[in-house]
Amino acid sequence: MPAYYTYLLSSLPMLHFGARPPFSYEKFIQTCSEFVAEKDIGILKALAVRQGEQTRQAQATLRKWHDFEMALRNELVKLRAGRKKLDPSKYLRCDGAVIDSRINHIAMNAYKNTSLLEAEKIIDQGRWQMFDEFSVGHYFDIDALIVYGLKLLLLIHWEKIRTADKAKLLEALLLESEPVKKD
């Protein structure tokens, strides 16, 4: 019988794409560890380090996530290979092939965007929409916690981008690309 985490999920703040994360992923794990079975905590911890290979086989939501992510990356490979006139087949990953027109739409919109940051945002909005789809019918179980964890990690990723010292990053990039002067 599956475990239900009604109190825990009801007490977590709502997450919205583009908003600031309410807490760190470590705090999320710490909060969950008071209510969640050790096996499920292991699944949640694996999300942060993208080591879901073992749990993906047994966990339907992680399998759907992996399949979606692989299909999205394959679509991006096809678009980029087409631009460079390369054969995409040697770069494609076939495990868990998903055919969904929304994936093509997400990839095409991101690919057409001239701003790398905006393209990344389009891809992440598509991911967020898929998270919402994965959570349908899963309100208080481990699947709901997995979706919450994935959304939280996405918000944390965007918070790092938002708070990065852009001047320092630009300076480091310029120094890195500066030609070496010979004496």
N, C-alpha and C. Protein backbone atom coordinates (compact mmCIF):
# COMPACT_ATOMS: atom_id res chain seq x y z
N MET A 1 0.85 -1.18 0.00
CA MET A 1 0.00 0.00 0.00
C MET A 1 0.89 1.25 0.00
N PRO A 2 0.60 2.20 -0.88
CA PRO A 2 1.44 3.40 -0.94
C PRO A 2 1.28 4.28 0.29
N ALA A 3 2.34 5.00 0.60
CA ALA A 3 2.31 5.92 1.73
C ALA A 3 1.73 7.26 1.27
N TYR A 4 0.97 7.88 2.14
CA TYR A 4 0.39 9.19 1.83
C TYR A 4 0.93 10.21 2.82
N TYR A 5 1.30 11.36 2.29
CA TYR A 5 1.92 12.41 3.09
C TYR A 5 1.03 13.65 3.09
N THR A 6 -0.19 13.47 3.54
CA THR A 6 -1.20 14.53 3.49
C THR A 6 -0.76 15.76 4.26
N TYR A 7 -0.35 15.59 5.50
CA TYR A 7 0.03 16.74 6.32
C TYR A 7 1.24 17.46 5.73
N LEU A 8 2.26 16.69 5.36
CA LEU A 8 3.49 17.27 4.83
C LEU A 8 3.21 18.09 3.57
N LEU A 9 2.54 17.51 2.60
CA LEU A 9 2.28 18.22 1.35
C LEU A 9 1.35 19.41 1.55
N SER A 10 0.43 19.30 2.49
CA SER A 10 -0.47 20.43 2.76
C SER A 10 0.27 21.59 3.41
N SER A 11 1.34 21.29 4.12
CA SER A 11 2.07 22.34 4.83
C SER A 11 3.15 23.01 3.98
N LEU A 12 3.49 22.42 2.84
CA LEU A 12 4.52 23.02 1.98
C LEU A 12 3.95 24.20 1.20
N PRO A 13 4.74 25.26 1.03
CA PRO A 13 4.24 26.42 0.27
C PRO A 13 4.09 26.08 -1.22
N MET A 14 3.12 26.74 -1.86
CA MET A 14 2.92 26.57 -3.31
C MET A 14 4.15 27.08 -4.05
N LEU A 15 4.46 26.45 -5.15
CA LEU A 15 5.58 26.88 -5.99
C LEU A 15 5.02 27.39 -7.31
N HIS A 16 5.56 28.51 -7.77
CA HIS A 16 5.14 29.12 -9.03
C HIS A 16 6.38 29.40 -9.86
N PHE A 17 6.32 29.07 -11.15
CA PHE A 17 7.46 29.30 -12.02
C PHE A 17 7.80 30.78 -12.05
N GLY A 18 9.07 31.08 -11.88
CA GLY A 18 9.52 32.47 -11.88
C GLY A 18 9.59 33.08 -10.49
N ALA A 19 9.01 32.42 -9.50
CA ALA A 19 9.05 32.93 -8.12
C ALA A 19 10.36 32.49 -7.45
N ARG A 20 10.64 33.10 -6.33
CA ARG A 20 11.83 32.71 -5.56
C ARG A 20 11.53 31.41 -4.81
N PRO A 21 12.52 30.55 -4.68
CA PRO A 21 12.29 29.32 -3.92
C PRO A 21 12.06 29.66 -2.45
N PRO A 22 11.10 29.02 -1.80
CA PRO A 22 10.80 29.34 -0.41
C PRO A 22 11.87 28.87 0.57
N PHE A 23 12.65 27.86 0.16
CA PHE A 23 13.72 27.33 1.00
C PHE A 23 14.66 26.51 0.13
N SER A 24 15.77 26.10 0.72
CA SER A 24 16.76 25.31 -0.02
C SER A 24 16.27 23.87 -0.17
N TYR A 25 16.91 23.14 -1.05
CA TYR A 25 16.56 21.73 -1.22
C TYR A 25 16.93 20.93 0.02
N GLU A 26 18.01 21.32 0.67
CA GLU A 26 18.42 20.64 1.91
C GLU A 26 17.34 20.80 2.98
N LYS A 27 16.76 21.99 3.07
CA LYS A 27 15.67 22.24 4.04
C LYS A 27 14.46 21.39 3.68
N PHE A 28 14.18 21.25 2.39
CA PHE A 28 13.07 20.41 1.93
C PHE A 28 13.30 18.97 2.38
N ILE A 29 14.50 18.45 2.16
CA ILE A 29 14.83 17.08 2.56
C ILE A 29 14.72 16.94 4.08
N GLN A 30 15.22 17.93 4.79
CA GLN A 30 15.16 17.90 6.26
C GLN A 30 13.71 17.86 6.73
N THR A 31 12.85 18.67 6.14
CA THR A 31 11.43 18.69 6.51
C THR A 31 10.79 17.35 6.18
N CYS A 32 11.10 16.82 5.01
CA CYS A 32 10.52 15.54 4.59
C CYS A 32 10.97 14.39 5.48
N SER A 33 12.20 14.44 5.95
CA SER A 33 12.75 13.32 6.73
C SER A 33 11.97 13.07 8.02
N GLU A 34 11.23 14.07 8.48
CA GLU A 34 10.42 13.88 9.69
C GLU A 34 9.16 13.06 9.41
N PHE A 35 8.72 13.02 8.14
CA PHE A 35 7.43 12.40 7.82
C PHE A 35 7.52 11.26 6.80
N VAL A 36 8.60 11.21 6.05
CA VAL A 36 8.68 10.33 4.88
C VAL A 36 9.54 9.11 5.18
N ALA A 37 9.14 7.98 4.61
CA ALA A 37 9.88 6.73 4.78
C ALA A 37 11.30 6.88 4.21
N GLU A 38 12.23 6.16 4.80
CA GLU A 38 13.65 6.26 4.41
C GLU A 38 13.86 5.95 2.93
N LYS A 39 13.13 4.97 2.41
CA LYS A 39 13.24 4.61 0.99
C LYS A 39 12.86 5.80 0.11
N ASP A 40 11.79 6.49 0.48
CA ASP A 40 11.32 7.64 -0.30
C ASP A 40 12.26 8.84 -0.15
N ILE A 41 12.87 8.99 1.03
CA ILE A 41 13.87 10.05 1.22
C ILE A 41 15.04 9.82 0.27
N GLY A 42 15.44 8.57 0.11
CA GLY A 42 16.52 8.24 -0.82
C GLY A 42 16.19 8.67 -2.24
N ILE A 43 14.95 8.49 -2.65
CA ILE A 43 14.51 8.91 -3.98
C ILE A 43 14.61 10.43 -4.10
N LEU A 44 14.15 11.14 -3.08
CA LEU A 44 14.17 12.61 -3.11
C LEU A 44 15.60 13.14 -3.10
N LYS A 45 16.49 12.51 -2.34
CA LYS A 45 17.89 12.94 -2.31
C LYS A 45 18.55 12.72 -3.67
N ALA A 46 18.19 11.63 -4.34
CA ALA A 46 18.78 11.32 -5.65
C ALA A 46 18.40 12.35 -6.71
N LEU A 47 17.26 13.02 -6.54
CA LEU A 47 16.85 14.05 -7.51
C LEU A 47 17.87 15.18 -7.59
N ALA A 48 18.38 15.58 -6.44
CA ALA A 48 19.28 16.73 -6.38
C ALA A 48 20.61 16.47 -7.07
N VAL A 49 21.03 15.24 -7.09
CA VAL A 49 22.31 14.91 -7.73
C VAL A 49 22.11 14.16 -9.04
N ARG A 50 20.87 14.12 -9.49
CA ARG A 50 20.50 13.48 -10.77
C ARG A 50 21.01 12.05 -10.85
N GLN A 51 20.82 11.32 -9.77
CA GLN A 51 21.21 9.91 -9.75
C GLN A 51 19.96 9.05 -9.66
N GLY A 52 19.02 9.30 -10.51
CA GLY A 52 17.76 8.58 -10.45
C GLY A 52 17.74 7.30 -11.25
N GLU A 53 18.89 6.86 -11.78
CA GLU A 53 18.91 5.67 -12.64
C GLU A 53 18.31 4.45 -11.96
N GLN A 54 18.74 4.16 -10.73
CA GLN A 54 18.25 2.97 -10.06
C GLN A 54 16.77 3.12 -9.72
N THR A 55 16.40 4.27 -9.18
CA THR A 55 15.02 4.47 -8.75
C THR A 55 14.09 4.70 -9.93
N ARG A 56 14.63 5.17 -11.05
CA ARG A 56 13.82 5.44 -12.23
C ARG A 56 13.13 4.16 -12.71
N GLN A 57 13.84 3.05 -12.61
CA GLN A 57 13.27 1.78 -13.08
C GLN A 57 12.01 1.42 -12.30
N ALA A 58 11.99 1.70 -11.01
CA ALA A 58 10.87 1.29 -10.17
C ALA A 58 9.85 2.40 -9.93
N GLN A 59 10.15 3.61 -10.28
CA GLN A 59 9.29 4.74 -9.94
C GLN A 59 8.72 5.36 -11.22
N ALA A 60 7.40 5.30 -11.38
CA ALA A 60 6.73 5.72 -12.62
C ALA A 60 6.95 7.20 -12.94
N THR A 61 6.86 8.07 -11.96
CA THR A 61 7.03 9.50 -12.21
C THR A 61 8.44 9.81 -12.68
N LEU A 62 9.43 9.18 -12.07
CA LEU A 62 10.81 9.40 -12.51
C LEU A 62 11.04 8.85 -13.91
N ARG A 63 10.39 7.74 -14.23
CA ARG A 63 10.50 7.18 -15.57
C ARG A 63 9.90 8.14 -16.59
N LYS A 64 8.73 8.70 -16.28
CA LYS A 64 8.10 9.68 -17.19
C LYS A 64 8.99 10.91 -17.35
N TRP A 65 9.57 11.37 -16.24
CA TRP A 65 10.44 12.54 -16.28
C TRP A 65 11.66 12.27 -17.15
N HIS A 66 12.29 11.13 -16.94
CA HIS A 66 13.47 10.76 -17.72
C HIS A 66 13.12 10.67 -19.20
N ASP A 67 12.01 10.04 -19.52
CA ASP A 67 11.60 9.89 -20.92
C ASP A 67 11.33 11.24 -21.57
N PHE A 68 10.65 12.13 -20.84
CA PHE A 68 10.38 13.47 -21.36
C PHE A 68 11.69 14.22 -21.59
N GLU A 69 12.57 14.18 -20.61
CA GLU A 69 13.84 14.91 -20.69
C GLU A 69 14.69 14.39 -21.86
N MET A 70 14.71 13.08 -22.04
CA MET A 70 15.47 12.49 -23.14
C MET A 70 14.87 12.90 -24.48
N ALA A 71 13.55 12.89 -24.60
CA ALA A 71 12.89 13.28 -25.85
C ALA A 71 13.14 14.76 -26.15
N LEU A 72 13.10 15.60 -25.13
CA LEU A 72 13.36 17.03 -25.32
C LEU A 72 14.79 17.26 -25.79
N ARG A 73 15.73 16.60 -25.16
CA ARG A 73 17.13 16.75 -25.56
C ARG A 73 17.36 16.22 -26.98
N ASN A 74 16.69 15.13 -27.33
CA ASN A 74 16.81 14.60 -28.69
C ASN A 74 16.27 15.60 -29.71
N GLU A 75 15.16 16.26 -29.39
CA GLU A 75 14.61 17.27 -30.31
C GLU A 75 15.59 18.42 -30.49
N LEU A 76 16.20 18.85 -29.40
CA LEU A 76 17.19 19.93 -29.49
C LEU A 76 18.40 19.49 -30.33
N VAL A 77 18.81 18.24 -30.18
CA VAL A 77 19.92 17.71 -30.97
C VAL A 77 19.57 17.74 -32.46
N LYS A 78 18.35 17.32 -32.79
CA LYS A 78 17.93 17.31 -34.20
C LYS A 78 17.96 18.72 -34.79
N LEU A 79 17.47 19.69 -34.03
CA LEU A 79 17.45 21.07 -34.52
C LEU A 79 18.86 21.62 -34.71
N ARG A 80 19.71 21.39 -33.73
CA ARG A 80 21.09 21.90 -33.81
C ARG A 80 21.88 21.19 -34.91
N ALA A 81 21.68 19.89 -35.04
CA ALA A 81 22.38 19.14 -36.09
C ALA A 81 21.93 19.61 -37.47
N GLY A 82 20.66 19.90 -37.61
CA GLY A 82 20.15 20.41 -38.88
C GLY A 82 20.80 21.72 -39.27
N ARG A 83 21.00 22.58 -38.29
CA ARG A 83 21.64 23.87 -38.55
C ARG A 83 23.09 23.69 -38.99
N LYS A 84 23.77 22.71 -38.41
CA LYS A 84 25.18 22.48 -38.74
C LYS A 84 25.36 21.47 -39.87
N LYS A 85 24.24 21.01 -40.41
CA LYS A 85 24.25 20.03 -41.50
C LYS A 85 25.00 18.75 -41.11
N LEU A 86 24.70 18.27 -39.91
CA LEU A 86 25.29 17.02 -39.41
C LEU A 86 24.20 15.97 -39.29
N ASP A 87 24.61 14.73 -39.25
CA ASP A 87 23.66 13.64 -39.04
C ASP A 87 23.38 13.54 -37.54
N PRO A 88 22.13 13.77 -37.11
CA PRO A 88 21.84 13.76 -35.68
C PRO A 88 21.84 12.37 -35.05
N SER A 89 21.75 11.32 -35.87
CA SER A 89 21.56 9.97 -35.33
C SER A 89 22.68 9.53 -34.39
N LYS A 90 23.89 10.00 -34.61
CA LYS A 90 24.98 9.56 -33.72
C LYS A 90 24.95 10.29 -32.37
N TYR A 91 24.12 11.32 -32.24
CA TYR A 91 24.02 12.06 -30.98
C TYR A 91 22.73 11.76 -30.22
N LEU A 92 21.81 11.04 -30.85
CA LEU A 92 20.51 10.78 -30.22
C LEU A 92 20.61 9.64 -29.22
N ARG A 93 19.82 9.76 -28.17
CA ARG A 93 19.69 8.69 -27.17
C ARG A 93 18.31 8.09 -27.35
N CYS A 94 18.23 6.80 -27.49
CA CYS A 94 16.95 6.17 -27.83
C CYS A 94 16.19 5.61 -26.64
N ASP A 95 16.80 5.55 -25.48
CA ASP A 95 16.10 4.95 -24.34
C ASP A 95 14.90 5.80 -23.94
N GLY A 96 13.74 5.14 -23.84
CA GLY A 96 12.53 5.81 -23.41
C GLY A 96 12.00 6.82 -24.40
N ALA A 97 12.03 6.49 -25.68
CA ALA A 97 11.59 7.44 -26.71
C ALA A 97 10.12 7.81 -26.50
N VAL A 98 9.86 9.11 -26.48
CA VAL A 98 8.51 9.64 -26.32
C VAL A 98 8.20 10.48 -27.55
N ILE A 99 7.04 10.27 -28.12
CA ILE A 99 6.63 11.08 -29.26
C ILE A 99 5.49 11.96 -28.77
N ASP A 100 5.75 13.25 -28.74
CA ASP A 100 4.77 14.21 -28.24
C ASP A 100 5.02 15.53 -28.95
N SER A 101 4.00 16.05 -29.60
CA SER A 101 4.17 17.29 -30.37
C SER A 101 4.53 18.47 -29.47
N ARG A 102 4.16 18.41 -28.20
CA ARG A 102 4.51 19.50 -27.28
C ARG A 102 6.01 19.60 -27.10
N ILE A 103 6.68 18.47 -27.11
CA ILE A 103 8.14 18.47 -26.95
C ILE A 103 8.78 19.17 -28.13
N ASN A 104 8.30 18.87 -29.33
CA ASN A 104 8.81 19.52 -30.52
C ASN A 104 8.54 21.02 -30.46
N HIS A 105 7.37 21.39 -29.98
CA HIS A 105 7.00 22.81 -29.86
C HIS A 105 7.93 23.54 -28.88
N ILE A 106 8.20 22.94 -27.74
CA ILE A 106 9.09 23.54 -26.74
C ILE A 106 10.49 23.72 -27.34
N ALA A 107 11.00 22.67 -27.95
CA ALA A 107 12.35 22.71 -28.53
C ALA A 107 12.44 23.76 -29.64
N MET A 108 11.43 23.81 -30.49
CA MET A 108 11.44 24.76 -31.61
C MET A 108 11.39 26.20 -31.11
N ASN A 109 10.54 26.48 -30.13
CA ASN A 109 10.46 27.84 -29.58
C ASN A 109 11.77 28.26 -28.92
N ALA A 110 12.39 27.34 -28.21
CA ALA A 110 13.67 27.66 -27.57
C ALA A 110 14.76 27.86 -28.63
N TYR A 111 14.77 27.02 -29.62
CA TYR A 111 15.78 27.07 -30.68
C TYR A 111 15.69 28.38 -31.46
N LYS A 112 14.48 28.84 -31.72
CA LYS A 112 14.28 30.07 -32.50
C LYS A 112 14.67 31.33 -31.73
N ASN A 113 14.71 31.25 -30.42
CA ASN A 113 14.99 32.43 -29.61
C ASN A 113 16.47 32.80 -29.71
N THR A 114 16.73 34.09 -29.91
CA THR A 114 18.12 34.54 -30.05
C THR A 114 18.83 34.69 -28.70
N SER A 115 18.08 34.84 -27.64
CA SER A 115 18.67 34.97 -26.31
C SER A 115 18.79 33.59 -25.67
N LEU A 116 20.00 33.23 -25.27
CA LEU A 116 20.22 31.94 -24.63
C LEU A 116 19.44 31.82 -23.32
N LEU A 117 19.39 32.92 -22.59
CA LEU A 117 18.67 32.91 -21.31
C LEU A 117 17.17 32.72 -21.53
N GLU A 118 16.62 33.41 -22.51
CA GLU A 118 15.19 33.26 -22.82
C GLU A 118 14.89 31.86 -23.35
N ALA A 119 15.81 31.31 -24.13
CA ALA A 119 15.63 29.95 -24.63
C ALA A 119 15.59 28.95 -23.48
N GLU A 120 16.49 29.14 -22.53
CA GLU A 120 16.51 28.27 -21.34
C GLU A 120 15.22 28.41 -20.54
N LYS A 121 14.72 29.62 -20.48
CA LYS A 121 13.47 29.87 -19.76
C LYS A 121 12.30 29.15 -20.44
N ILE A 122 12.26 29.17 -21.76
CA ILE A 122 11.20 28.48 -22.51
C ILE A 122 11.27 26.98 -22.24
N ILE A 123 12.46 26.43 -22.25
CA ILE A 123 12.63 25.00 -21.98
C ILE A 123 12.17 24.67 -20.56
N ASP A 124 12.56 25.50 -19.60
CA ASP A 124 12.17 25.24 -18.21
C ASP A 124 10.68 25.44 -17.97
N GLN A 125 10.05 26.35 -18.70
CA GLN A 125 8.59 26.49 -18.60
C GLN A 125 7.91 25.22 -19.13
N GLY A 126 8.46 24.66 -20.19
CA GLY A 126 7.94 23.39 -20.70
C GLY A 126 8.11 22.27 -19.70
N ARG A 127 9.25 22.25 -19.03
CA ARG A 127 9.48 21.25 -17.98
C ARG A 127 8.46 21.43 -16.86
N TRP A 128 8.22 22.67 -16.47
CA TRP A 128 7.27 22.96 -15.39
C TRP A 128 5.88 22.45 -15.75
N GLN A 129 5.47 22.68 -17.00
CA GLN A 129 4.16 22.19 -17.45
C GLN A 129 4.10 20.67 -17.38
N MET A 130 5.19 20.01 -17.72
CA MET A 130 5.21 18.56 -17.63
C MET A 130 5.13 18.11 -16.17
N PHE A 131 5.80 18.82 -15.28
CA PHE A 131 5.69 18.49 -13.85
C PHE A 131 4.23 18.54 -13.42
N ASP A 132 3.53 19.59 -13.87
CA ASP A 132 2.11 19.71 -13.53
C ASP A 132 1.32 18.51 -14.05
N GLU A 133 1.64 18.06 -15.25
CA GLU A 133 0.95 16.89 -15.80
C GLU A 133 1.28 15.62 -15.01
N PHE A 134 2.54 15.49 -14.60
CA PHE A 134 2.93 14.31 -13.82
C PHE A 134 2.19 14.25 -12.49
N SER A 135 1.82 15.40 -11.95
CA SER A 135 1.21 15.42 -10.63
C SER A 135 -0.30 15.15 -10.66
N VAL A 136 -0.90 15.12 -11.84
CA VAL A 136 -2.34 14.86 -11.92
C VAL A 136 -2.64 13.49 -11.32
N GLY A 137 -3.56 13.47 -10.37
CA GLY A 137 -3.94 12.24 -9.70
C GLY A 137 -3.03 11.85 -8.55
N HIS A 138 -1.98 12.62 -8.34
CA HIS A 138 -1.04 12.35 -7.25
C HIS A 138 -1.03 13.57 -6.34
N TYR A 139 -1.80 13.52 -5.29
CA TYR A 139 -1.93 14.70 -4.44
C TYR A 139 -1.16 14.58 -3.13
N PHE A 140 -1.07 13.39 -2.59
CA PHE A 140 -0.44 13.24 -1.28
C PHE A 140 0.52 12.05 -1.21
N ASP A 141 1.01 11.59 -2.34
CA ASP A 141 1.90 10.43 -2.33
C ASP A 141 3.32 10.83 -2.71
N ILE A 142 4.19 9.84 -2.85
CA ILE A 142 5.59 10.11 -3.17
C ILE A 142 5.72 10.81 -4.52
N ASP A 143 4.83 10.50 -5.45
CA ASP A 143 4.88 11.16 -6.76
C ASP A 143 4.69 12.67 -6.62
N ALA A 144 3.80 13.08 -5.74
CA ALA A 144 3.59 14.51 -5.49
C ALA A 144 4.83 15.14 -4.88
N LEU A 145 5.50 14.41 -3.99
CA LEU A 145 6.75 14.92 -3.40
C LEU A 145 7.86 15.00 -4.44
N ILE A 146 7.92 14.04 -5.34
CA ILE A 146 8.93 14.08 -6.40
C ILE A 146 8.71 15.29 -7.29
N VAL A 147 7.47 15.53 -7.69
CA VAL A 147 7.16 16.69 -8.54
C VAL A 147 7.50 17.98 -7.79
N TYR A 148 7.16 18.04 -6.51
CA TYR A 148 7.49 19.23 -5.71
C TYR A 148 9.00 19.43 -5.68
N GLY A 149 9.74 18.35 -5.46
CA GLY A 149 11.20 18.43 -5.42
C GLY A 149 11.79 18.90 -6.75
N LEU A 150 11.28 18.37 -7.85
CA LEU A 150 11.76 18.79 -9.17
C LEU A 150 11.47 20.27 -9.43
N LYS A 151 10.28 20.71 -9.04
CA LYS A 151 9.93 22.13 -9.20
C LYS A 151 10.83 23.01 -8.34
N LEU A 152 11.06 22.58 -7.10
CA LEU A 152 11.92 23.35 -6.20
C LEU A 152 13.34 23.45 -6.77
N LEU A 153 13.87 22.37 -7.30
CA LEU A 153 15.21 22.40 -7.90
C LEU A 153 15.26 23.36 -9.09
N LEU A 154 14.19 23.41 -9.86
CA LEU A 154 14.13 24.35 -10.99
C LEU A 154 14.12 25.79 -10.51
N LEU A 155 13.36 26.07 -9.46
CA LEU A 155 13.34 27.43 -8.89
C LEU A 155 14.71 27.81 -8.33
N ILE A 156 15.37 26.88 -7.69
CA ILE A 156 16.71 27.13 -7.13
C ILE A 156 17.69 27.43 -8.26
N HIS A 157 17.58 26.70 -9.36
CA HIS A 157 18.43 26.94 -10.53
C HIS A 157 18.25 28.37 -11.03
N TRP A 158 17.00 28.83 -11.15
CA TRP A 158 16.74 30.18 -11.64
C TRP A 158 17.13 31.25 -10.63
N GLU A 159 17.07 30.92 -9.36
CA GLU A 159 17.51 31.87 -8.33
C GLU A 159 19.01 32.09 -8.44
N LYS A 160 19.76 31.03 -8.72
CA LYS A 160 21.21 31.17 -8.91
C LYS A 160 21.51 32.06 -10.11
N ILE A 161 20.76 31.89 -11.17
CA ILE A 161 20.94 32.74 -12.36
C ILE A 161 20.61 34.18 -12.03
N ARG A 162 19.51 34.38 -11.32
CA ARG A 162 19.03 35.73 -10.99
C ARG A 162 20.01 36.47 -10.08
N THR A 163 20.64 35.76 -9.16
CA THR A 163 21.50 36.41 -8.16
C THR A 163 22.98 36.38 -8.53
N ALA A 164 23.30 35.82 -9.68
CA ALA A 164 24.71 35.76 -10.10
C ALA A 164 25.25 37.16 -10.33
N ASP A 165 26.51 37.35 -9.99
CA ASP A 165 27.18 38.63 -10.23
C ASP A 165 27.57 38.67 -11.71
N LYS A 166 26.73 39.30 -12.49
CA LYS A 166 26.90 39.29 -13.95
C LYS A 166 28.19 39.98 -14.40
N ALA A 167 28.57 41.04 -13.72
CA ALA A 167 29.81 41.75 -14.07
C ALA A 167 31.02 40.84 -13.86
N LYS A 168 31.02 40.11 -12.76
CA LYS A 168 32.12 39.20 -12.47
C LYS A 168 32.18 38.06 -13.50
N LEU A 169 31.02 37.54 -13.85
CA LEU A 169 30.97 36.47 -14.84
C LEU A 169 31.47 36.94 -16.20
N LEU A 170 31.08 38.15 -16.60
CA LEU A 170 31.52 38.71 -17.87
C LEU A 170 33.03 38.92 -17.87
N GLU A 171 33.53 39.46 -16.76
CA GLU A 171 34.97 39.69 -16.64
C GLU A 171 35.74 38.37 -16.75
N ALA A 172 35.27 37.35 -16.06
CA ALA A 172 35.93 36.04 -16.10
C ALA A 172 35.88 35.46 -17.51
N LEU A 173 34.77 35.63 -18.18
CA LEU A 173 34.63 35.14 -19.54
C LEU A 173 35.57 35.87 -20.50
N LEU A 174 35.66 37.18 -20.34
CA LEU A 174 36.54 37.96 -21.19
C LEU A 174 38.01 37.63 -20.95
N LEU A 175 38.37 37.44 -19.69
CA LEU A 175 39.75 37.06 -19.37
C LEU A 175 40.08 35.68 -19.92
N GLU A 176 39.10 34.80 -19.88
CA GLU A 176 39.29 33.45 -20.36
C GLU A 176 39.49 33.42 -21.88
N SER A 177 38.80 34.29 -22.58
CA SER A 177 38.88 34.28 -24.05
C SER A 177 39.96 35.21 -24.59
N GLU A 178 40.63 35.94 -23.70
CA GLU A 178 41.70 36.86 -24.11
C GLU A 178 42.89 36.07 -24.63
N PRO A 179 43.44 36.46 -25.80
CA PRO A 179 44.60 35.73 -26.33
C PRO A 179 45.81 35.89 -25.41
N VAL A 180 46.60 34.85 -25.36
CA VAL A 180 47.80 34.86 -24.53
C VAL A 180 48.87 35.70 -25.23
N LYS A 181 49.44 36.66 -24.49
CA LYS A 181 50.49 37.52 -25.05
C LYS A 181 51.83 36.85 -24.87
N LYS A 182 52.61 36.86 -25.94
CA LYS A 182 53.95 36.27 -25.87
C LYS A 182 54.95 37.37 -25.57
N ASP A 183 55.84 37.09 -24.65
CA ASP A 183 56.87 38.07 -24.27
C ASP A 183 58.12 37.89 -25.08
